[in-house]
Amino acid sequence: MNKLWKFFQYGYLIVAILFTVESILTWNTDREKAYMMLGFAVFTTLIFFFKRHFRKKIENRNKH
């Protein structure tokens, strides 16, 4: 199951990249939407690091 979670955590990075690209594409037409997309990109990136930290913490706890 842990191997499956390793792959799922990278999904958050893919979503963050998609939000960033969408933000760049809409920057000149709708600045408010672009800021919102950048906020989502930052949020999903933080979720990635949070989940990775706790997955490693649980793996280390289960090893010992």
PDB file of N, CA and C in Angstrom:
ATOM      1  N   MET A   1       0.824  -1.195   0.000  1.00  0.00           N
ATOM      2  CA  MET A   1       0.000   0.000   0.000  1.00  0.00           C
ATOM      3  C   MET A   1       0.871   1.263   0.000  1.00  0.00           C
ATOM      4  N   ASN A   2       2.011   1.194   0.689  1.00  0.00           N
ATOM      5  CA  ASN A   2       2.886   2.360   0.731  1.00  0.00           C
ATOM      6  C   ASN A   2       3.438   2.707  -0.637  1.00  0.00           C
ATOM      7  N   LYS A   3       3.683   1.680  -1.460  1.00  0.00           N
ATOM      8  CA  LYS A   3       4.183   1.956  -2.803  1.00  0.00           C
ATOM      9  C   LYS A   3       3.136   2.689  -3.622  1.00  0.00           C
ATOM     10  N   LEU A   4       1.883   2.362  -3.390  1.00  0.00           N
ATOM     11  CA  LEU A   4       0.800   3.045  -4.091  1.00  0.00           C
ATOM     12  C   LEU A   4       0.725   4.511  -3.669  1.00  0.00           C
ATOM     13  N   TRP A   5       0.908   4.773  -2.372  1.00  0.00           N
ATOM     14  CA  TRP A   5       0.863   6.152  -1.881  1.00  0.00           C
ATOM     15  C   TRP A   5       2.024   6.978  -2.406  1.00  0.00           C
ATOM     16  N   LYS A   6       3.158   6.333  -2.673  1.00  0.00           N
ATOM     17  CA  LYS A   6       4.292   7.058  -3.248  1.00  0.00           C
ATOM     18  C   LYS A   6       3.919   7.648  -4.603  1.00  0.00           C
ATOM     19  N   PHE A   7       3.173   6.882  -5.389  1.00  0.00           N
ATOM     20  CA  PHE A   7       2.769   7.376  -6.698  1.00  0.00           C
ATOM     21  C   PHE A   7       1.674   8.431  -6.590  1.00  0.00           C
ATOM     22  N   PHE A   8       0.753   8.253  -5.638  1.00  0.00           N
ATOM     23  CA  PHE A   8      -0.330   9.216  -5.483  1.00  0.00           C
ATOM     24  C   PHE A   8       0.169  10.582  -5.033  1.00  0.00           C
ATOM     25  N   GLN A   9       1.224  10.606  -4.235  1.00  0.00           N
ATOM     26  CA  GLN A   9       1.709  11.897  -3.752  1.00  0.00           C
ATOM     27  C   GLN A   9       2.233  12.754  -4.894  1.00  0.00           C
ATOM     28  N   TYR A  10       2.739  12.139  -5.948  1.00  0.00           N
ATOM     29  CA  TYR A  10       3.214  12.913  -7.088  1.00  0.00           C
ATOM     30  C   TYR A  10       2.062  13.478  -7.908  1.00  0.00           C
ATOM     31  N   GLY A  11       0.880  12.958  -7.709  1.00  0.00           N
ATOM     32  CA  GLY A  11      -0.303  13.532  -8.341  1.00  0.00           C
ATOM     33  C   GLY A  11      -0.536  14.965  -7.881  1.00  0.00           C
ATOM     34  N   TYR A  12      -0.210  15.243  -6.628  1.00  0.00           N
ATOM     35  CA  TYR A  12      -0.343  16.607  -6.121  1.00  0.00           C
ATOM     36  C   TYR A  12       0.586  17.563  -6.867  1.00  0.00           C
ATOM     37  N   LEU A  13       1.778  17.106  -7.188  1.00  0.00           N
ATOM     38  CA  LEU A  13       2.696  17.955  -7.954  1.00  0.00           C
ATOM     39  C   LEU A  13       2.186  18.179  -9.372  1.00  0.00           C
ATOM     40  N   ILE A  14       1.599  17.160  -9.969  1.00  0.00           N
ATOM     41  CA  ILE A  14       1.038  17.312 -11.314  1.00  0.00           C
ATOM     42  C   ILE A  14      -0.093  18.323 -11.298  1.00  0.00           C
ATOM     43  N   VAL A  15      -0.950  18.241 -10.283  1.00  0.00           N
ATOM     44  CA  VAL A  15      -2.051  19.204 -10.161  1.00  0.00           C
ATOM     45  C   VAL A  15      -1.503  20.608  -9.947  1.00  0.00           C
ATOM     46  N   ALA A  16      -0.451  20.749  -9.151  1.00  0.00           N
ATOM     47  CA  ALA A  16       0.158  22.064  -8.920  1.00  0.00           C
ATOM     48  C   ALA A  16       0.716  22.636 -10.216  1.00  0.00           C
ATOM     49  N   ILE A  17       1.327  21.795 -11.029  1.00  0.00           N
ATOM     50  CA  ILE A  17       1.849  22.261 -12.319  1.00  0.00           C
ATOM     51  C   ILE A  17       0.708  22.698 -13.223  1.00  0.00           C
ATOM     52  N   LEU A  18      -0.377  21.938 -13.225  1.00  0.00           N
ATOM     53  CA  LEU A  18      -1.535  22.317 -14.049  1.00  0.00           C
ATOM     54  C   LEU A  18      -2.126  23.652 -13.602  1.00  0.00           C
ATOM     55  N   PHE A  19      -2.223  23.867 -12.291  1.00  0.00           N
ATOM     56  CA  PHE A  19      -2.721  25.146 -11.787  1.00  0.00           C
ATOM     57  C   PHE A  19      -1.791  26.290 -12.177  1.00  0.00           C
ATOM     58  N   THR A  20      -0.492  26.053 -12.132  1.00  0.00           N
ATOM     59  CA  THR A  20       0.469  27.086 -12.509  1.00  0.00           C
ATOM     60  C   THR A  20       0.356  27.430 -13.989  1.00  0.00           C
ATOM     61  N   VAL A  21       0.236  26.421 -14.824  1.00  0.00           N
ATOM     62  CA  VAL A  21       0.088  26.658 -16.266  1.00  0.00           C
ATOM     63  C   VAL A  21      -1.203  27.417 -16.547  1.00  0.00           C
ATOM     64  N   GLU A  22      -2.280  27.015 -15.897  1.00  0.00           N
ATOM     65  CA  GLU A  22      -3.559  27.715 -16.085  1.00  0.00           C
ATOM     66  C   GLU A  22      -3.447  29.170 -15.636  1.00  0.00           C
ATOM     67  N   SER A  23      -2.721  29.409 -14.561  1.00  0.00           N
ATOM     68  CA  SER A  23      -2.522  30.769 -14.080  1.00  0.00           C
ATOM     69  C   SER A  23      -1.758  31.609 -15.093  1.00  0.00           C
ATOM     70  N   ILE A  24      -0.727  31.036 -15.680  1.00  0.00           N
ATOM     71  CA  ILE A  24       0.065  31.765 -16.678  1.00  0.00           C
ATOM     72  C   ILE A  24      -0.778  32.079 -17.909  1.00  0.00           C
ATOM     73  N   LEU A  25      -1.590  31.117 -18.317  1.00  0.00           N
ATOM     74  CA  LEU A  25      -2.405  31.317 -19.518  1.00  0.00           C
ATOM     75  C   LEU A  25      -3.502  32.364 -19.330  1.00  0.00           C
ATOM     76  N   THR A  26      -4.004  32.508 -18.111  1.00  0.00           N
ATOM     77  CA  THR A  26      -5.088  33.465 -17.869  1.00  0.00           C
ATOM     78  C   THR A  26      -4.605  34.759 -17.223  1.00  0.00           C
ATOM     79  N   TRP A  27      -3.297  34.953 -17.127  1.00  0.00           N
ATOM     80  CA  TRP A  27      -2.759  36.117 -16.417  1.00  0.00           C
ATOM     81  C   TRP A  27      -3.237  37.437 -17.021  1.00  0.00           C
ATOM     82  N   ASN A  28      -3.215  37.569 -18.334  1.00  0.00           N
ATOM     83  CA  ASN A  28      -3.578  38.840 -18.967  1.00  0.00           C
ATOM     84  C   ASN A  28      -5.079  39.041 -19.100  1.00  0.00           C
ATOM     85  N   THR A  29      -5.846  37.976 -19.130  1.00  0.00           N
ATOM     86  CA  THR A  29      -7.285  38.124 -19.335  1.00  0.00           C
ATOM     87  C   THR A  29      -8.057  38.233 -18.032  1.00  0.00           C
ATOM     88  N   ASP A  30      -7.692  37.435 -17.039  1.00  0.00           N
ATOM     89  CA  ASP A  30      -8.432  37.426 -15.775  1.00  0.00           C
ATOM     90  C   ASP A  30      -7.437  37.288 -14.623  1.00  0.00           C
ATOM     91  N   ARG A  31      -6.956  38.410 -14.147  1.00  0.00           N
ATOM     92  CA  ARG A  31      -5.900  38.422 -13.127  1.00  0.00           C
ATOM     93  C   ARG A  31      -6.375  37.795 -11.815  1.00  0.00           C
ATOM     94  N   GLU A  32      -7.638  38.005 -11.458  1.00  0.00           N
ATOM     95  CA  GLU A  32      -8.160  37.456 -10.210  1.00  0.00           C
ATOM     96  C   GLU A  32      -8.163  35.924 -10.239  1.00  0.00           C
ATOM     97  N   LYS A  33      -8.562  35.363 -11.364  1.00  0.00           N
ATOM     98  CA  LYS A  33      -8.546  33.908 -11.522  1.00  0.00           C
ATOM     99  C   LYS A  33      -7.109  33.390 -11.506  1.00  0.00           C
ATOM    100  N   ALA A  34      -6.191  34.136 -12.082  1.00  0.00           N
ATOM    101  CA  ALA A  34      -4.786  33.727 -12.105  1.00  0.00           C
ATOM    102  C   ALA A  34      -4.218  33.666 -10.688  1.00  0.00           C
ATOM    103  N   TYR A  35      -4.544  34.650  -9.857  1.00  0.00           N
ATOM    104  CA  TYR A  35      -4.079  34.624  -8.473  1.00  0.00           C
ATOM    105  C   TYR A  35      -4.674  33.438  -7.715  1.00  0.00           C
ATOM    106  N   MET A  36      -5.929  33.143  -7.979  1.00  0.00           N
ATOM    107  CA  MET A  36      -6.574  32.011  -7.328  1.00  0.00           C
ATOM    108  C   MET A  36      -5.887  30.702  -7.730  1.00  0.00           C
ATOM    109  N   MET A  37      -5.559  30.579  -9.004  1.00  0.00           N
ATOM    110  CA  MET A  37      -4.874  29.371  -9.475  1.00  0.00           C
ATOM    111  C   MET A  37      -3.476  29.258  -8.868  1.00  0.00           C
ATOM    112  N   LEU A  38      -2.786  30.370  -8.725  1.00  0.00           N
ATOM    113  CA  LEU A  38      -1.475  30.345  -8.064  1.00  0.00           C
ATOM    114  C   LEU A  38      -1.605  29.927  -6.603  1.00  0.00           C
ATOM    115  N   GLY A  39      -2.654  30.399  -5.950  1.00  0.00           N
ATOM    116  CA  GLY A  39      -2.911  29.991  -4.569  1.00  0.00           C
ATOM    117  C   GLY A  39      -3.149  28.495  -4.462  1.00  0.00           C
ATOM    118  N   PHE A  40      -3.932  27.953  -5.385  1.00  0.00           N
ATOM    119  CA  PHE A  40      -4.161  26.509  -5.397  1.00  0.00           C
ATOM    120  C   PHE A  40      -2.870  25.748  -5.680  1.00  0.00           C
ATOM    121  N   ALA A  41      -2.029  26.291  -6.544  1.00  0.00           N
ATOM    122  CA  ALA A  41      -0.753  25.636  -6.855  1.00  0.00           C
ATOM    123  C   ALA A  41       0.131  25.576  -5.610  1.00  0.00           C
ATOM    124  N   VAL A  42       0.190  26.666  -4.872  1.00  0.00           N
ATOM    125  CA  VAL A  42       0.983  26.689  -3.641  1.00  0.00           C
ATOM    126  C   VAL A  42       0.395  25.708  -2.625  1.00  0.00           C
ATOM    127  N   PHE A  43      -0.924  25.700  -2.507  1.00  0.00           N
ATOM    128  CA  PHE A  43      -1.599  24.819  -1.555  1.00  0.00           C
ATOM    129  C   PHE A  43      -1.340  23.346  -1.871  1.00  0.00           C
ATOM    130  N   THR A  44      -1.470  22.963  -3.129  1.00  0.00           N
ATOM    131  CA  THR A  44      -1.251  21.561  -3.480  1.00  0.00           C
ATOM    132  C   THR A  44       0.225  21.172  -3.344  1.00  0.00           C
ATOM    133  N   THR A  45       1.128  22.118  -3.556  1.00  0.00           N
ATOM    134  CA  THR A  45       2.548  21.833  -3.333  1.00  0.00           C
ATOM    135  C   THR A  45       2.816  21.595  -1.848  1.00  0.00           C
ATOM    136  N   LEU A  46       2.204  22.393  -0.996  1.00  0.00           N
ATOM    137  CA  LEU A  46       2.350  22.186   0.446  1.00  0.00           C
ATOM    138  C   LEU A  46       1.764  20.849   0.874  1.00  0.00           C
ATOM    139  N   ILE A  47       0.642  20.459   0.287  1.00  0.00           N
ATOM    140  CA  ILE A  47       0.052  19.157   0.593  1.00  0.00           C
ATOM    141  C   ILE A  47       1.011  18.039   0.203  1.00  0.00           C
ATOM    142  N   PHE A  48       1.674  18.180  -0.953  1.00  0.00           N
ATOM    143  CA  PHE A  48       2.648  17.178  -1.384  1.00  0.00           C
ATOM    144  C   PHE A  48       3.730  16.985  -0.328  1.00  0.00           C
ATOM    145  N   PHE A  49       4.338  18.084   0.126  1.00  0.00           N
ATOM    146  CA  PHE A  49       5.415  17.973   1.104  1.00  0.00           C
ATOM    147  C   PHE A  49       4.906  17.452   2.446  1.00  0.00           C
ATOM    148  N   PHE A  50       3.700  17.859   2.846  1.00  0.00           N
ATOM    149  CA  PHE A  50       3.101  17.390   4.090  1.00  0.00           C
ATOM    150  C   PHE A  50       2.874  15.878   4.041  1.00  0.00           C
ATOM    151  N   LYS A  51       2.276  15.396   2.977  1.00  0.00           N
ATOM    152  CA  LYS A  51       1.996  13.962   2.854  1.00  0.00           C
ATOM    153  C   LYS A  51       3.282  13.154   2.744  1.00  0.00           C
ATOM    154  N   ARG A  52       4.265  13.676   2.023  1.00  0.00           N
ATOM    155  CA  ARG A  52       5.532  12.964   1.893  1.00  0.00           C
ATOM    156  C   ARG A  52       6.217  12.844   3.249  1.00  0.00           C
ATOM    157  N   HIS A  53       6.195  13.917   4.032  1.00  0.00           N
ATOM    158  CA  HIS A  53       6.807  13.903   5.358  1.00  0.00           C
ATOM    159  C   HIS A  53       6.154  12.842   6.241  1.00  0.00           C
ATOM    160  N   PHE A  54       4.830  12.819   6.278  1.00  0.00           N
ATOM    161  CA  PHE A  54       4.158  11.877   7.158  1.00  0.00           C
ATOM    162  C   PHE A  54       4.218  10.448   6.639  1.00  0.00           C
ATOM    163  N   ARG A  55       4.284  10.254   5.331  1.00  0.00           N
ATOM    164  CA  ARG A  55       4.447   8.900   4.794  1.00  0.00           C
ATOM    165  C   ARG A  55       5.800   8.343   5.211  1.00  0.00           C
ATOM    166  N   LYS A  56       6.852   9.164   5.110  1.00  0.00           N
ATOM    167  CA  LYS A  56       8.184   8.722   5.526  1.00  0.00           C
ATOM    168  C   LYS A  56       8.233   8.476   7.028  1.00  0.00           C
ATOM    169  N   LYS A  57       7.539   9.297   7.790  1.00  0.00           N
ATOM    170  CA  LYS A  57       7.504   9.132   9.239  1.00  0.00           C
ATOM    171  C   LYS A  57       6.845   7.803   9.608  1.00  0.00           C
ATOM    172  N   ILE A  58       5.757   7.471   8.942  1.00  0.00           N
ATOM    173  CA  ILE A  58       5.063   6.211   9.209  1.00  0.00           C
ATOM    174  C   ILE A  58       5.908   5.026   8.756  1.00  0.00           C
ATOM    175  N   GLU A  59       6.581   5.153   7.610  1.00  0.00           N
ATOM    176  CA  GLU A  59       7.459   4.075   7.145  1.00  0.00           C
ATOM    177  C   GLU A  59       8.582   3.821   8.139  1.00  0.00           C
ATOM    178  N   ASN A  60       9.178   4.867   8.670  1.00  0.00           N
ATOM    179  CA  ASN A  60      10.254   4.703   9.656  1.00  0.00           C
ATOM    180  C   ASN A  60       9.734   4.081  10.947  1.00  0.00           C
ATOM    181  N   ARG A  61       8.532   4.442  11.347  1.00  0.00           N
ATOM    182  CA  ARG A  61       7.948   3.877  12.561  1.00  0.00           C
ATOM    183  C   ARG A  61       7.642   2.393  12.367  1.00  0.00           C
ATOM    184  N   ASN A  62       7.185   2.015  11.175  1.00  0.00           N
ATOM    185  CA  ASN A  62       6.853   0.617  10.917  1.00  0.00           C
ATOM    186  C   ASN A  62       8.097  -0.257  10.764  1.00  0.00           C
ATOM    187  N   LYS A  63       9.233   0.337  10.396  1.00  0.00           N
ATOM    188  CA  LYS A  63      10.471  -0.430  10.256  1.00  0.00           C
ATOM    189  C   LYS A  63      11.006  -0.874  11.608  1.00  0.00           C
ATOM    190  N   HIS A  64      10.786  -0.074  12.623  1.00  0.00           N
ATOM    191  CA  HIS A  64      11.370  -0.374  13.942  1.00  0.00           C
ATOM    192  C   HIS A  64      10.381  -1.020  14.841  1.00  0.00           C
TER     193      HIS A  64
END
